[in-house]
Amino acid sequence: MKRLTLFTNGPGKYMASAEMIRVEVVYARPDVQRLVTLDVPAGTTMTEAVGRSGLLQEFPEIDPASAPMGIFSKPEPSPATRVLLAGDRVELYRPLVMDPKEARKARAAKARAKRAQAAR
């Protein structure tokens, strides 16, 4: 006999699980992106799902102990203790190459220089 666990997925919405849940783990670099769909035991944490995904072997630069992670673009401060729900997408974030504000300033300066060059 399989034990079913009921958990809430929002107000008034319940889903049944036969002790396994389906989650996704994603990682992207500028040259390659990977999305891995996994069936994991209920109670699996974000860090455990990353370990099961195979992404650590494919991308050795990922350090699951220190890599920033989130679920659906929402950063998670403690991925080692955050238990996943069915349908969660674990995202591994890379460090920014450049501060977004600085990148915008650089683009604006380049556009100004281009307009000034064209006006001559």
C-alpha atoms as a PDB file:
ATOM      1  CA  MET A   1       0.000   0.000   0.000  1.00  0.00           C
ATOM      2  CA  LYS A   2       1.415   3.388  -1.038  1.00  0.00           C
ATOM      3  CA  ARG A   3       1.167   6.159   1.477  1.00  0.00           C
ATOM      4  CA  LEU A   4      -0.118   9.418   0.001  1.00  0.00           C
ATOM      5  CA  THR A   5       0.933  12.729   1.447  1.00  0.00           C
ATOM      6  CA  LEU A   6      -1.339  15.727   0.982  1.00  0.00           C
ATOM      7  CA  PHE A   7       0.182  19.161   0.934  1.00  0.00           C
ATOM      8  CA  THR A   8      -1.165  22.544   0.072  1.00  0.00           C
ATOM      9  CA  ASN A   9      -0.265  24.317  -3.135  1.00  0.00           C
ATOM     10  CA  GLY A  10      -2.078  27.547  -2.336  1.00  0.00           C
ATOM     11  CA  PRO A  11      -5.407  28.307  -0.665  1.00  0.00           C
ATOM     12  CA  GLY A  12      -7.895  25.518  -1.269  1.00  0.00           C
ATOM     13  CA  LYS A  13      -5.576  23.617  -3.626  1.00  0.00           C
ATOM     14  CA  TYR A  14      -4.313  20.242  -2.506  1.00  0.00           C
ATOM     15  CA  MET A  15      -2.115  17.851  -4.400  1.00  0.00           C
ATOM     16  CA  ALA A  16      -1.449  14.203  -3.684  1.00  0.00           C
ATOM     17  CA  SER A  17       2.030  12.748  -3.784  1.00  0.00           C
ATOM     18  CA  ALA A  18       3.063   9.108  -3.741  1.00  0.00           C
ATOM     19  CA  GLU A  19       6.227  10.079  -1.829  1.00  0.00           C
ATOM     20  CA  MET A  20       7.900  11.337  -5.028  1.00  0.00           C
ATOM     21  CA  ILE A  21       7.663  14.844  -6.446  1.00  0.00           C
ATOM     22  CA  ARG A  22       8.782  16.271  -9.791  1.00  0.00           C
ATOM     23  CA  VAL A  23      11.092  19.302  -9.717  1.00  0.00           C
ATOM     24  CA  GLU A  24      13.388  21.071 -12.155  1.00  0.00           C
ATOM     25  CA  VAL A  25      16.972  22.228 -11.672  1.00  0.00           C
ATOM     26  CA  VAL A  26      18.348  24.837 -14.086  1.00  0.00           C
ATOM     27  CA  TYR A  27      21.743  26.398 -14.726  1.00  0.00           C
ATOM     28  CA  ALA A  28      22.812  28.730 -17.513  1.00  0.00           C
ATOM     29  CA  ARG A  29      26.052  30.123 -18.812  1.00  0.00           C
ATOM     30  CA  PRO A  30      26.242  32.492 -21.779  1.00  0.00           C
ATOM     31  CA  ASP A  31      27.165  29.583 -24.063  1.00  0.00           C
ATOM     32  CA  VAL A  32      24.987  26.766 -22.701  1.00  0.00           C
ATOM     33  CA  GLN A  33      21.827  26.257 -20.653  1.00  0.00           C
ATOM     34  CA  ARG A  34      20.605  23.116 -18.908  1.00  0.00           C
ATOM     35  CA  LEU A  35      17.215  22.214 -17.473  1.00  0.00           C
ATOM     36  CA  VAL A  36      16.980  18.866 -15.693  1.00  0.00           C
ATOM     37  CA  THR A  37      13.631  17.417 -14.615  1.00  0.00           C
ATOM     38  CA  LEU A  38      13.846  15.066 -11.636  1.00  0.00           C
ATOM     39  CA  ASP A  39      11.560  12.873  -9.590  1.00  0.00           C
ATOM     40  CA  VAL A  40      12.806  13.170  -6.018  1.00  0.00           C
ATOM     41  CA  PRO A  41      11.522  11.948  -2.664  1.00  0.00           C
ATOM     42  CA  ALA A  42       9.225  14.336  -0.818  1.00  0.00           C
ATOM     43  CA  GLY A  43      11.341  16.212   1.724  1.00  0.00           C
ATOM     44  CA  THR A  44      14.284  16.751  -0.659  1.00  0.00           C
ATOM     45  CA  THR A  45      16.099  20.068  -0.176  1.00  0.00           C
ATOM     46  CA  MET A  46      17.325  22.404  -2.896  1.00  0.00           C
ATOM     47  CA  THR A  47      20.950  21.386  -2.364  1.00  0.00           C
ATOM     48  CA  GLU A  48      20.072  17.683  -2.521  1.00  0.00           C
ATOM     49  CA  ALA A  49      18.173  18.184  -5.787  1.00  0.00           C
ATOM     50  CA  VAL A  50      21.177  19.976  -7.308  1.00  0.00           C
ATOM     51  CA  GLY A  51      23.350  17.009  -6.311  1.00  0.00           C
ATOM     52  CA  ARG A  52      20.929  14.539  -7.894  1.00  0.00           C
ATOM     53  CA  SER A  53      20.611  16.574 -11.106  1.00  0.00           C
ATOM     54  CA  GLY A  54      24.046  15.705 -12.518  1.00  0.00           C
ATOM     55  CA  LEU A  55      24.797  19.383 -13.124  1.00  0.00           C
ATOM     56  CA  LEU A  56      27.736  19.307 -10.708  1.00  0.00           C
ATOM     57  CA  GLN A  57      29.504  16.784 -12.941  1.00  0.00           C
ATOM     58  CA  GLU A  58      28.725  18.719 -16.109  1.00  0.00           C
ATOM     59  CA  PHE A  59      29.635  22.125 -14.647  1.00  0.00           C
ATOM     60  CA  PRO A  60      32.456  21.647 -12.117  1.00  0.00           C
ATOM     61  CA  GLU A  61      32.576  25.400 -11.431  1.00  0.00           C
ATOM     62  CA  ILE A  62      29.353  25.073  -9.400  1.00  0.00           C
ATOM     63  CA  ASP A  63      29.944  24.879  -5.652  1.00  0.00           C
ATOM     64  CA  PRO A  64      26.593  23.848  -4.136  1.00  0.00           C
ATOM     65  CA  ALA A  65      27.711  24.941  -0.666  1.00  0.00           C
ATOM     66  CA  SER A  66      28.197  28.561  -1.733  1.00  0.00           C
ATOM     67  CA  ALA A  67      26.349  28.975  -5.042  1.00  0.00           C
ATOM     68  CA  PRO A  68      23.394  31.350  -4.783  1.00  0.00           C
ATOM     69  CA  MET A  69      20.106  29.575  -5.529  1.00  0.00           C
ATOM     70  CA  GLY A  70      16.473  30.489  -5.868  1.00  0.00           C
ATOM     71  CA  ILE A  71      13.092  29.125  -6.800  1.00  0.00           C
ATOM     72  CA  PHE A  72      11.352  30.769  -9.760  1.00  0.00           C
ATOM     73  CA  SER A  73      13.624  33.867  -9.628  1.00  0.00           C
ATOM     74  CA  LYS A  74      13.159  34.335  -5.888  1.00  0.00           C
ATOM     75  CA  PRO A  75      16.506  34.031  -4.070  1.00  0.00           C
ATOM     76  CA  GLU A  76      16.571  31.484  -1.260  1.00  0.00           C
ATOM     77  CA  PRO A  77      18.832  32.347   1.701  1.00  0.00           C
ATOM     78  CA  SER A  78      19.132  28.734   2.972  1.00  0.00           C
ATOM     79  CA  PRO A  79      19.006  26.249   0.101  1.00  0.00           C
ATOM     80  CA  ALA A  80      20.434  23.487   2.299  1.00  0.00           C
ATOM     81  CA  THR A  81      17.305  23.509   4.480  1.00  0.00           C
ATOM     82  CA  ARG A  82      14.625  24.669   2.003  1.00  0.00           C
ATOM     83  CA  VAL A  83      12.409  21.644   1.277  1.00  0.00           C
ATOM     84  CA  LEU A  84      11.061  21.493  -2.260  1.00  0.00           C
ATOM     85  CA  LEU A  85       7.447  21.217  -3.298  1.00  0.00           C
ATOM     86  CA  ALA A  86       6.150  19.507  -6.426  1.00  0.00           C
ATOM     87  CA  GLY A  87       6.732  21.683  -9.474  1.00  0.00           C
ATOM     88  CA  ASP A  88       9.468  23.863  -7.931  1.00  0.00           C
ATOM     89  CA  ARG A  89      12.242  25.036 -10.261  1.00  0.00           C
ATOM     90  CA  VAL A  90      15.621  25.337  -8.527  1.00  0.00           C
ATOM     91  CA  GLU A  91      17.770  27.966 -10.214  1.00  0.00           C
ATOM     92  CA  LEU A  92      21.535  28.181  -9.742  1.00  0.00           C
ATOM     93  CA  TYR A  93      22.782  31.742 -10.157  1.00  0.00           C
ATOM     94  CA  ARG A  94      26.161  32.797 -11.529  1.00  0.00           C
ATOM     95  CA  PRO A  95      28.011  35.848 -10.213  1.00  0.00           C
ATOM     96  CA  LEU A  96      27.408  39.032 -12.183  1.00  0.00           C
ATOM     97  CA  VAL A  97      30.199  39.943 -14.582  1.00  0.00           C
ATOM     98  CA  MET A  98      29.350  43.628 -14.219  1.00  0.00           C
ATOM     99  CA  ASP A  99      27.097  45.611 -11.936  1.00  0.00           C
ATOM    100  CA  PRO A 100      23.838  46.282 -13.855  1.00  0.00           C
ATOM    101  CA  LYS A 101      23.978  50.018 -13.073  1.00  0.00           C
ATOM    102  CA  GLU A 102      27.529  50.251 -14.369  1.00  0.00           C
ATOM    103  CA  ALA A 103      26.567  48.293 -17.500  1.00  0.00           C
ATOM    104  CA  ARG A 104      23.724  50.727 -18.187  1.00  0.00           C
ATOM    105  CA  LYS A 105      26.040  53.719 -17.688  1.00  0.00           C
ATOM    106  CA  ALA A 106      28.543  52.225 -20.126  1.00  0.00           C
ATOM    107  CA  ARG A 107      25.828  51.622 -22.742  1.00  0.00           C
ATOM    108  CA  ALA A 108      24.514  55.179 -22.324  1.00  0.00           C
ATOM    109  CA  ALA A 109      28.021  56.650 -22.694  1.00  0.00           C
ATOM    110  CA  LYS A 110      28.594  54.575 -25.826  1.00  0.00           C
ATOM    111  CA  ALA A 111      25.266  55.738 -27.303  1.00  0.00           C
ATOM    112  CA  ARG A 112      26.123  59.397 -26.514  1.00  0.00           C
ATOM    113  CA  ALA A 113      29.500  59.039 -28.191  1.00  0.00           C
ATOM    114  CA  LYS A 114      27.886  57.433 -31.239  1.00  0.00           C
ATOM    115  CA  ARG A 115      25.317  60.254 -31.527  1.00  0.00           C
ATOM    116  CA  ALA A 116      28.058  62.872 -31.153  1.00  0.00           C
ATOM    117  CA  GLN A 117      30.116  61.143 -33.865  1.00  0.00           C
ATOM    118  CA  ALA A 118      27.099  61.046 -36.219  1.00  0.00           C
ATOM    119  CA  ALA A 119      26.359  64.761 -35.618  1.00  0.00           C
ATOM    120  CA  ARG A 120      29.809  65.804 -36.880  1.00  0.00           C
END
